Amino acid sequence: MQGEREIAVRGLMEIFEKKSYGNVAMRRILASHGHLDRTQKAFVTLVVTGCIRNLIQIDHIIGNFSQTPVTKMKPAIINILRISVYQLRFMDKVPTFAVCNEAVDLAKKMGFMRLSGFVNGVLRNIARNIDRLDVPDTLEIKYSCAPWIVQHFMDELGEAATEELLANICKPPDVTLCVNTRKISTDELLKILANEGIEVMRGDLAKDALVVTKTSDIAGLESFRKGYYHVMDQAAMLAVQAVVLNASSRIIDVCAAPGGKSFLAAYLAQNSQILSRDVHNFKLKQLREGAKRLGLDGRVIVQKWDATEFDEKLCETADLVIVDAPCSGLGTMRRRPDIKLFKQKESIRELEDLQRNILASSWQYVKPGGKLVYSTCTINRRENMDKCTWFLQQFPFKPVDFSENVPDVPEFASARDGYLQILPQHFDTDGFFISIFERCK
């Protein structure tokens, strides 16, 4: 039976070999090791995501204490070293002797008896120097981020805001729950979660948001199985809460998976019908399962549809269309640190074209006087503000002032002009862009 550290090493090997999405890989890895308890799962998750989040700095440290280049090491050995350096540098509750001994034992167990002495020597040398490591103060190494992404943020935000952002996304994220107010009140759920042994507090950005710390096994809770909430970042919640919904609104969510915005809209608009569409079968399965668990399977209608294709049957039928567009995801790097390493700059151009095509089809579903929400989980002018400018030039819409529906803080003043760029450092959320338009004719 594999222990936590071996599972972490094998998980890293898979993620780096396949360049997998770390969050998707971790769900599958944890699900395949049912013998782990909640604390063990949390440890594996912390170590794996921590290594990915700090990979460039960790590899720089290893390289300074090894005559063998990091790129020449066997995958099992480099990843044993990585999880060990992460524990030594970022986890102060794990004793140094335990980290080194576990690493040596793991190298032997995984069939590398002859290299166990090498592992021991490198780690003990690092451990002796852990408080005086020579780590360059460049943003790329300090925050383990691809140089092109650092430069992108510098161009968009300036140096001070960029460093603040990069420091923020290096922190492990909390889990945010969106309360299913059709089933339970936020106050009641607070008590239930506390009784389940969960550390929880109210969110300070979105209404009916609860922030959970120190757990990675939300799906194992009885409160989750009963459909009292779904997992959703506060910034994403605000994209729905910023629109005033009538009880019987007709809502179309054109890129709905995994379903968070559709579910929240169903909580808010009690008698509404939400048409939730996506093009990928596995995402549609997630949508249906989520809606059923939350008691919304009769209200959230799930359909397969390519959002770039216009559906004539829906022309001018919607009070609200939600376009949460596929994007570069640069605002989600705290939850998906693999983006810092694997995202290619060239891939963004294709996404920009896709976003434009989705908007060109979806606007026609909005009734005159109805609303369209365009949102992304990225920080990129070309995908956000440039897209809004293009949309207003092409189609009969005007911006909506939604400042009364968001916190009254200086960073959110642009909501008066119909758009809002949320940075991770604002409220410890994802980086997120929200814009709201009203159809004029």
Protein backbone atom coordinates (compact mmCIF):
# COMPACT_ATOMS: atom_id res chain seq x y z
CA MET A 1 0.00 0.00 0.00
CA GLN A 2 1.43 3.36 -1.01
CA GLY A 3 2.04 6.02 1.63
CA GLU A 4 1.37 9.71 1.26
CA ARG A 5 4.86 10.64 0.02
CA GLU A 6 4.98 7.91 -2.61
CA ILE A 7 1.53 8.93 -3.85
CA ALA A 8 2.73 12.55 -4.04
CA VAL A 9 5.85 11.57 -6.00
CA ARG A 10 3.93 9.40 -8.45
CA GLY A 11 1.34 12.15 -8.84
CA LEU A 12 4.01 14.69 -9.72
CA MET A 13 5.59 12.27 -12.19
CA GLU A 14 2.28 11.88 -13.96
CA ILE A 15 1.48 15.59 -14.00
CA PHE A 16 4.89 16.56 -15.39
CA GLU A 17 5.06 13.71 -17.89
CA LYS A 18 1.59 14.32 -19.31
CA LYS A 19 1.47 18.08 -18.58
CA SER A 20 -1.90 17.32 -16.97
CA TYR A 21 -4.11 19.84 -15.22
CA GLY A 22 -2.96 19.44 -11.63
CA ASN A 23 -6.43 19.83 -10.09
CA VAL A 24 -7.94 17.18 -12.38
CA ALA A 25 -5.06 14.79 -11.78
CA MET A 26 -5.27 15.27 -8.00
CA ARG A 27 -8.99 14.43 -7.90
CA ARG A 28 -8.35 11.22 -9.79
CA ILE A 29 -5.26 10.32 -7.74
CA LEU A 30 -7.01 10.82 -4.40
CA ALA A 31 -10.09 8.95 -5.57
CA SER A 32 -7.90 5.94 -6.49
CA HIS A 33 -6.40 5.76 -2.97
CA GLY A 34 -9.42 5.22 -0.76
CA HIS A 35 -7.27 4.09 2.17
CA LEU A 36 -6.14 7.67 2.83
CA ASP A 37 -7.95 9.56 5.56
CA ARG A 38 -8.80 13.28 5.35
CA THR A 39 -5.51 14.40 6.92
CA GLN A 40 -3.45 12.23 4.58
CA LYS A 41 -5.33 13.50 1.54
CA ALA A 42 -4.74 17.06 2.66
CA PHE A 43 -1.00 16.35 3.02
CA VAL A 44 -0.75 14.84 -0.48
CA THR A 45 -2.67 17.74 -1.98
CA LEU A 46 -0.56 20.34 -0.16
CA VAL A 47 2.74 18.76 -1.17
CA VAL A 48 1.85 18.15 -4.82
CA THR A 49 0.31 21.55 -5.45
CA GLY A 50 3.02 23.20 -3.36
CA CYS A 51 5.73 21.65 -5.52
CA ILE A 52 4.02 22.79 -8.69
CA ARG A 53 3.41 26.26 -7.25
CA ASN A 54 7.08 26.66 -6.29
CA LEU A 55 8.73 24.41 -8.87
CA ILE A 56 11.19 26.85 -10.45
CA GLN A 57 12.53 27.95 -7.05
CA ILE A 58 12.71 24.35 -5.78
CA ASP A 59 14.61 23.18 -8.86
CA HIS A 60 16.98 26.13 -8.53
CA ILE A 61 17.75 25.10 -4.93
CA ILE A 62 18.31 21.46 -5.88
CA GLY A 63 20.56 22.50 -8.75
CA ASN A 64 22.76 24.48 -6.38
CA PHE A 65 23.46 21.39 -4.24
CA SER A 66 23.74 18.68 -6.86
CA GLN A 67 26.52 17.98 -9.35
CA THR A 68 23.94 16.19 -11.48
CA PRO A 69 21.76 18.71 -13.37
CA VAL A 70 18.06 18.59 -12.51
CA THR A 71 17.23 17.85 -16.16
CA LYS A 72 19.44 14.73 -16.09
CA MET A 73 17.91 13.13 -12.98
CA LYS A 74 15.54 10.20 -13.16
CA PRO A 75 11.88 11.33 -12.78
CA ALA A 76 11.39 9.44 -9.50
CA ILE A 77 14.57 10.87 -7.96
CA ILE A 78 13.98 14.50 -8.91
CA ASN A 79 10.41 14.33 -7.63
CA ILE A 80 11.50 12.72 -4.34
CA LEU A 81 13.91 15.64 -3.98
CA ARG A 82 11.20 18.14 -4.92
CA ILE A 83 8.67 17.01 -2.33
CA SER A 84 11.44 16.93 0.27
CA VAL A 85 12.74 20.41 -0.49
CA TYR A 86 9.17 21.69 -0.42
CA GLN A 87 8.73 20.27 3.08
CA LEU A 88 12.08 21.67 4.26
CA ARG A 89 11.51 25.16 2.89
CA PHE A 90 7.75 25.68 3.15
CA MET A 91 6.43 23.30 5.84
CA ASP A 92 7.91 24.14 9.23
CA LYS A 93 6.00 21.43 11.10
CA VAL A 94 7.83 18.52 9.43
CA PRO A 95 11.12 17.67 11.24
CA THR A 96 14.25 17.78 9.07
CA PHE A 97 15.39 14.27 10.04
CA ALA A 98 11.97 12.87 9.11
CA VAL A 99 12.03 14.52 5.67
CA CYS A 100 15.49 13.15 4.87
CA ASN A 101 14.86 9.66 6.24
CA GLU A 102 11.51 9.34 4.44
CA ALA A 103 13.14 10.42 1.17
CA VAL A 104 15.91 7.83 1.47
CA ASP A 105 13.42 5.08 2.32
CA LEU A 106 11.21 6.11 -0.59
CA ALA A 107 14.12 6.01 -3.06
CA LYS A 108 14.87 2.46 -1.93
CA LYS A 109 11.21 1.41 -2.06
CA MET A 110 10.84 2.74 -5.61
CA GLY A 111 13.83 0.66 -6.78
CA PHE A 112 16.66 3.17 -6.57
CA MET A 113 18.80 1.67 -3.80
CA ARG A 114 22.04 2.86 -5.47
CA LEU A 115 20.78 6.46 -5.61
CA SER A 116 19.51 6.61 -2.03
CA GLY A 117 22.91 7.90 -0.85
CA PHE A 118 22.76 10.66 -3.46
CA VAL A 119 19.27 11.65 -2.24
CA ASN A 120 20.49 11.66 1.36
CA GLY A 121 23.56 13.76 0.61
CA VAL A 122 21.73 16.41 -1.41
CA LEU A 123 18.92 16.80 1.12
CA ARG A 124 21.13 16.93 4.21
CA ASN A 125 23.31 19.56 2.54
CA ILE A 126 20.21 21.62 1.68
CA ALA A 127 18.83 21.15 5.22
CA ARG A 128 22.06 22.46 6.77
CA ASN A 129 21.80 25.60 4.64
CA ILE A 130 18.01 26.05 4.57
CA ASP A 131 18.09 29.42 6.39
CA ARG A 132 20.72 30.95 4.09
CA LEU A 133 19.84 29.66 0.64
CA ASP A 134 21.03 31.75 -2.28
CA VAL A 135 17.76 32.28 -4.18
CA PRO A 136 17.86 35.05 -6.81
CA ASP A 137 15.39 37.86 -6.27
CA THR A 138 14.07 37.70 -9.83
CA LEU A 139 10.29 37.43 -10.01
CA GLU A 140 10.51 34.34 -12.24
CA ILE A 141 12.45 32.33 -9.63
CA LYS A 142 11.10 33.94 -6.48
CA TYR A 143 7.48 33.18 -7.50
CA SER A 144 8.15 30.23 -9.86
CA CYS A 145 6.41 31.71 -12.87
CA ALA A 146 7.14 31.48 -16.60
CA PRO A 147 8.99 34.62 -17.76
CA TRP A 148 6.40 35.47 -20.41
CA ILE A 149 3.62 35.49 -17.78
CA VAL A 150 5.63 37.76 -15.49
CA GLN A 151 6.23 40.15 -18.38
CA HIS A 152 2.55 40.00 -19.33
CA PHE A 153 1.50 41.12 -15.84
CA MET A 154 4.19 43.80 -15.80
CA ASP A 155 2.75 45.20 -19.04
CA GLU A 156 -0.84 45.01 -17.77
CA LEU A 157 -0.46 46.06 -14.14
CA GLY A 158 2.96 47.55 -13.50
CA GLU A 159 5.75 46.27 -11.26
CA ALA A 160 4.24 46.78 -7.79
CA ALA A 161 0.85 45.21 -8.57
CA THR A 162 2.55 42.35 -10.42
CA GLU A 163 4.70 41.40 -7.45
CA GLU A 164 1.69 41.67 -5.13
CA LEU A 165 -0.28 39.39 -7.46
CA LEU A 166 2.53 36.82 -7.80
CA ALA A 167 3.02 36.72 -4.04
CA ASN A 168 -0.71 36.18 -3.55
CA ILE A 169 -0.98 33.27 -5.99
CA CYS A 170 1.93 31.49 -4.30
CA LYS A 171 -0.29 30.97 -1.24
CA PRO A 172 -2.33 27.76 -1.01
CA PRO A 173 -5.96 28.62 -1.75
CA ASP A 174 -8.90 28.13 0.54
CA VAL A 175 -12.05 26.43 -0.72
CA THR A 176 -15.11 28.63 -1.21
CA LEU A 177 -18.63 27.27 -0.94
CA CYS A 178 -21.70 28.82 -2.54
CA VAL A 179 -24.65 28.12 -0.22
CA ASN A 180 -27.72 26.49 -1.78
CA THR A 181 -30.18 28.91 -0.21
CA ARG A 182 -33.08 26.92 -1.64
CA LYS A 183 -32.23 24.18 0.88
CA ILE A 184 -30.52 25.89 3.80
CA SER A 185 -29.56 29.29 5.20
CA THR A 186 -25.96 30.41 5.47
CA ASP A 187 -26.24 30.58 9.27
CA GLU A 188 -27.54 27.01 9.46
CA LEU A 189 -24.78 25.72 7.19
CA LEU A 190 -22.11 27.41 9.30
CA LYS A 191 -23.26 25.36 12.29
CA ILE A 192 -23.43 22.11 10.32
CA LEU A 193 -19.92 22.52 8.91
CA ALA A 194 -18.56 23.33 12.37
CA ASN A 195 -20.15 20.12 13.66
CA GLU A 196 -18.45 18.24 10.80
CA GLY A 197 -15.11 19.51 12.10
CA ILE A 198 -14.56 22.06 9.34
CA GLU A 199 -12.91 25.43 9.89
CA VAL A 200 -15.17 27.90 8.11
CA MET A 201 -15.86 31.61 7.94
CA ARG A 202 -18.02 33.95 5.89
CA GLY A 203 -16.68 35.28 2.62
CA ASP A 204 -16.15 39.01 2.41
CA LEU A 205 -16.83 39.54 -1.31
CA ALA A 206 -19.90 37.55 -2.34
CA LYS A 207 -23.15 37.04 -0.45
CA ASP A 208 -23.81 33.52 0.88
CA ALA A 209 -20.18 32.50 0.38
CA LEU A 210 -18.36 30.44 3.00
CA VAL A 211 -14.60 30.02 3.05
CA VAL A 212 -13.28 26.64 4.23
CA THR A 213 -9.69 26.07 5.34
CA LYS A 214 -7.58 22.99 5.96
CA THR A 215 -9.59 20.38 4.11
CA SER A 216 -9.28 18.78 0.68
CA ASP A 217 -12.13 16.29 1.02
CA ILE A 218 -15.25 18.44 0.65
CA ALA A 219 -16.99 15.76 -1.43
CA GLY A 220 -16.71 13.33 1.48
CA LEU A 221 -18.84 15.47 3.80
CA GLU A 222 -22.47 14.64 4.53
CA SER A 223 -23.39 18.30 3.99
CA PHE A 224 -21.98 18.08 0.46
CA ARG A 225 -23.89 14.89 -0.34
CA LYS A 226 -27.10 16.56 0.84
CA GLY A 227 -26.62 19.34 -1.69
CA TYR A 228 -26.28 22.23 0.74
CA TYR A 229 -23.66 23.97 -1.42
CA HIS A 230 -21.41 23.78 -4.42
CA VAL A 231 -17.77 24.82 -4.69
CA MET A 232 -17.37 28.20 -6.43
CA ASP A 233 -14.92 31.08 -6.13
CA GLN A 234 -16.33 34.31 -4.69
CA ALA A 235 -15.30 36.34 -7.74
CA ALA A 236 -17.25 33.98 -10.00
CA MET A 237 -20.24 34.23 -7.66
CA LEU A 238 -20.15 38.01 -8.00
CA ALA A 239 -20.58 37.71 -11.78
CA VAL A 240 -24.10 36.34 -11.18
CA GLN A 241 -24.96 38.36 -8.09
CA ALA A 242 -24.07 41.62 -9.88
CA VAL A 243 -27.11 41.16 -12.15
CA VAL A 244 -30.58 41.83 -10.76
CA LEU A 245 -32.62 38.70 -11.52
CA ASN A 246 -36.39 38.50 -11.50
CA ALA A 247 -38.00 35.45 -9.92
CA SER A 248 -39.13 34.07 -13.28
CA SER A 249 -36.18 35.07 -15.44
CA ARG A 250 -35.41 33.03 -18.53
CA ILE A 251 -31.66 32.39 -18.38
CA ILE A 252 -29.26 30.82 -20.87
CA ASP A 253 -25.76 29.84 -19.76
CA VAL A 254 -23.92 29.10 -23.00
CA CYS A 255 -20.62 27.78 -21.56
CA ALA A 256 -22.03 26.41 -18.34
CA ALA A 257 -19.74 23.62 -17.12
CA PRO A 258 -19.02 22.82 -14.37
CA GLY A 259 -22.30 24.59 -13.58
CA GLY A 260 -21.58 27.05 -10.78
CA LYS A 261 -23.17 30.10 -12.37
CA SER A 262 -26.25 28.15 -13.50
CA PHE A 263 -26.69 26.75 -10.01
CA LEU A 264 -26.32 30.15 -8.34
CA ALA A 265 -28.78 31.70 -10.80
CA ALA A 266 -31.26 28.98 -9.87
CA TYR A 267 -30.84 29.80 -6.15
CA LEU A 268 -31.42 33.52 -6.77
CA ALA A 269 -34.26 33.40 -9.30
CA GLN A 270 -36.64 31.03 -7.53
CA ASN A 271 -39.02 30.32 -10.43
CA SER A 272 -36.54 30.67 -13.27
CA GLN A 273 -35.63 28.18 -15.93
CA ILE A 274 -31.94 27.90 -16.71
CA LEU A 275 -30.76 26.37 -19.97
CA SER A 276 -27.20 25.19 -19.33
CA ARG A 277 -25.17 24.23 -22.35
CA ASP A 278 -21.71 22.90 -23.04
CA VAL A 279 -20.00 21.11 -25.88
CA HIS A 280 -18.02 18.45 -23.97
CA ASN A 281 -19.71 15.23 -22.87
CA PHE A 282 -17.70 14.78 -19.66
CA LYS A 283 -18.57 18.34 -18.62
CA LEU A 284 -22.25 17.73 -19.35
CA LYS A 285 -22.06 14.72 -17.04
CA GLN A 286 -20.64 16.99 -14.30
CA LEU A 287 -23.45 19.45 -14.88
CA ARG A 288 -26.19 16.85 -14.61
CA GLU A 289 -24.69 15.26 -11.50
CA GLY A 290 -24.27 18.64 -9.83
CA ALA A 291 -27.81 19.73 -10.61
CA LYS A 292 -29.23 16.47 -9.26
CA ARG A 293 -27.21 16.64 -6.03
CA LEU A 294 -28.36 20.23 -5.44
CA GLY A 295 -32.02 19.42 -6.14
CA LEU A 296 -32.04 21.50 -9.33
CA ASP A 297 -32.40 18.80 -11.96
CA GLY A 298 -35.91 20.00 -12.83
CA ARG A 299 -34.84 23.64 -13.08
CA VAL A 300 -31.42 23.48 -14.71
CA ILE A 301 -31.91 21.99 -18.17
CA VAL A 302 -28.64 20.55 -19.50
CA GLN A 303 -28.05 20.37 -23.25
CA LYS A 304 -25.10 19.71 -25.53
CA TRP A 305 -24.44 22.64 -27.85
CA ASP A 306 -21.48 24.38 -29.44
CA ALA A 307 -21.71 27.99 -28.23
CA THR A 308 -20.17 29.28 -31.45
CA GLU A 309 -23.20 27.99 -33.39
CA PHE A 310 -26.35 30.15 -33.40
CA ASP A 311 -29.55 28.36 -32.31
CA GLU A 312 -32.40 30.07 -34.13
CA LYS A 313 -35.00 28.57 -31.76
CA LEU A 314 -33.63 30.70 -28.91
CA CYS A 315 -33.57 34.02 -30.75
CA GLU A 316 -34.68 36.84 -28.37
CA THR A 317 -35.97 34.43 -25.70
CA ALA A 318 -33.65 35.20 -22.78
CA ASP A 319 -33.83 37.78 -20.01
CA LEU A 320 -30.20 36.97 -19.24
CA VAL A 321 -27.44 35.28 -21.21
CA ILE A 322 -24.30 34.25 -19.34
CA VAL A 323 -21.14 34.00 -21.41
CA ASP A 324 -18.45 32.71 -19.07
CA ALA A 325 -16.04 32.30 -21.92
CA PRO A 326 -13.16 29.83 -22.30
CA CYS A 327 -10.05 31.85 -21.51
CA SER A 328 -6.35 31.70 -20.69
CA GLY A 329 -7.12 31.23 -16.97
CA LEU A 330 -4.36 33.55 -15.79
CA GLY A 331 -6.52 34.53 -12.82
CA THR A 332 -6.75 30.97 -11.50
CA MET A 333 -3.06 30.20 -10.97
CA ARG A 334 -3.43 29.89 -7.20
CA ARG A 335 -5.81 26.96 -7.70
CA ARG A 336 -4.15 25.77 -10.92
CA PRO A 337 -0.44 26.49 -10.50
CA ASP A 338 0.36 24.29 -13.50
CA ILE A 339 -0.69 27.27 -15.64
CA LYS A 340 2.44 29.10 -14.41
CA LEU A 341 4.54 26.36 -15.97
CA PHE A 342 2.68 24.90 -18.94
CA LYS A 343 0.56 27.69 -20.45
CA GLN A 344 1.83 28.73 -23.87
CA LYS A 345 1.56 32.35 -24.94
CA GLU A 346 0.65 31.32 -28.48
CA SER A 347 -2.50 29.51 -27.30
CA ILE A 348 -4.19 32.74 -26.21
CA ARG A 349 -4.75 34.01 -29.76
CA GLU A 350 -6.98 31.01 -30.53
CA LEU A 351 -8.99 31.71 -27.37
CA GLU A 352 -9.53 35.32 -28.38
CA ASP A 353 -11.06 34.20 -31.68
CA LEU A 354 -13.23 31.64 -29.86
CA GLN A 355 -14.52 34.29 -27.42
CA ARG A 356 -15.46 36.58 -30.30
CA ASN A 357 -17.31 33.79 -32.10
CA ILE A 358 -19.26 32.84 -28.97
CA LEU A 359 -20.35 36.44 -28.38
CA ALA A 360 -21.33 36.85 -32.04
CA SER A 361 -23.77 33.93 -31.68
CA SER A 362 -24.98 34.45 -28.12
CA TRP A 363 -26.06 38.09 -28.20
CA GLN A 364 -29.01 37.18 -30.42
CA TYR A 365 -30.62 35.17 -27.61
CA VAL A 366 -31.11 38.30 -25.49
CA LYS A 367 -34.50 40.00 -25.54
CA PRO A 368 -34.57 43.78 -26.08
CA GLY A 369 -34.04 45.15 -22.56
CA GLY A 370 -32.41 41.90 -21.45
CA LYS A 371 -28.88 41.51 -20.15
CA LEU A 372 -25.73 39.72 -21.22
CA VAL A 373 -22.91 38.95 -18.77
CA TYR A 374 -19.47 38.39 -20.28
CA SER A 375 -16.92 37.06 -17.83
CA THR A 376 -13.53 35.36 -17.80
CA CYS A 377 -11.19 34.03 -15.12
CA THR A 378 -8.18 35.79 -16.59
CA ILE A 379 -6.23 39.03 -16.38
CA ASN A 380 -5.62 39.98 -19.98
CA ARG A 381 -6.78 43.15 -21.69
CA ARG A 382 -7.13 41.43 -25.09
CA GLU A 383 -9.55 38.85 -23.67
CA ASN A 384 -11.39 41.33 -21.46
CA MET A 385 -11.63 45.06 -22.15
CA ASP A 386 -10.72 44.77 -25.83
CA LYS A 387 -13.47 42.19 -26.22
CA CYS A 388 -15.99 44.52 -24.54
CA THR A 389 -15.03 47.39 -26.83
CA TRP A 390 -15.41 45.18 -29.87
CA PHE A 391 -18.78 43.86 -28.65
CA LEU A 392 -20.24 47.33 -28.12
CA GLN A 393 -19.06 48.41 -31.55
CA GLN A 394 -20.62 45.40 -33.27
CA PHE A 395 -23.95 44.80 -31.54
CA PRO A 396 -26.93 46.81 -30.16
CA PHE A 397 -25.92 46.87 -26.47
CA LYS A 398 -24.92 49.40 -23.85
CA PRO A 399 -22.90 48.97 -20.62
CA VAL A 400 -24.81 48.49 -17.36
CA ASP A 401 -23.82 50.28 -14.15
CA PHE A 402 -23.68 47.51 -11.53
CA SER A 403 -21.74 49.41 -8.87
CA GLU A 404 -24.57 49.08 -6.33
CA ASN A 405 -24.26 45.28 -6.47
CA VAL A 406 -20.55 45.03 -5.62
CA PRO A 407 -18.50 46.18 -2.62
CA ASP A 408 -17.94 49.93 -2.44
CA VAL A 409 -14.15 49.94 -2.69
CA PRO A 410 -11.88 52.06 -4.91
CA GLU A 411 -10.68 49.01 -6.88
CA PHE A 412 -14.25 48.37 -8.05
CA ALA A 413 -15.09 51.91 -9.23
CA SER A 414 -15.15 50.77 -12.87
CA ALA A 415 -18.38 48.83 -12.20
CA ARG A 416 -20.14 52.15 -12.85
CA ASP A 417 -18.91 51.85 -16.43
CA GLY A 418 -20.10 48.30 -16.84
CA TYR A 419 -16.97 46.27 -16.16
CA LEU A 420 -14.77 45.07 -13.33
CA GLN A 421 -11.32 43.46 -13.19
CA ILE A 422 -10.83 41.65 -9.89
CA LEU A 423 -7.22 40.88 -8.95
CA PRO A 424 -6.34 38.02 -6.56
CA GLN A 425 -4.91 40.43 -4.01
CA HIS A 426 -8.18 42.35 -3.76
CA PHE A 427 -10.15 39.74 -1.78
CA ASP A 428 -7.99 36.59 -1.91
CA THR A 429 -10.07 35.27 -4.80
CA ASP A 430 -9.39 34.28 -8.38
CA GLY A 431 -8.46 36.99 -10.82
CA PHE A 432 -11.75 37.56 -12.60
CA PHE A 433 -13.30 39.90 -15.17
CA ILE A 434 -17.01 40.83 -15.19
CA SER A 435 -18.89 42.96 -17.71
CA ILE A 436 -22.63 43.48 -18.05
CA PHE A 437 -24.49 44.76 -21.12
CA GLU A 438 -28.14 45.58 -21.84
CA ARG A 439 -29.69 45.05 -25.26
CA CYS A 440 -31.05 48.29 -26.69
CA LYS A 441 -33.20 46.96 -29.55
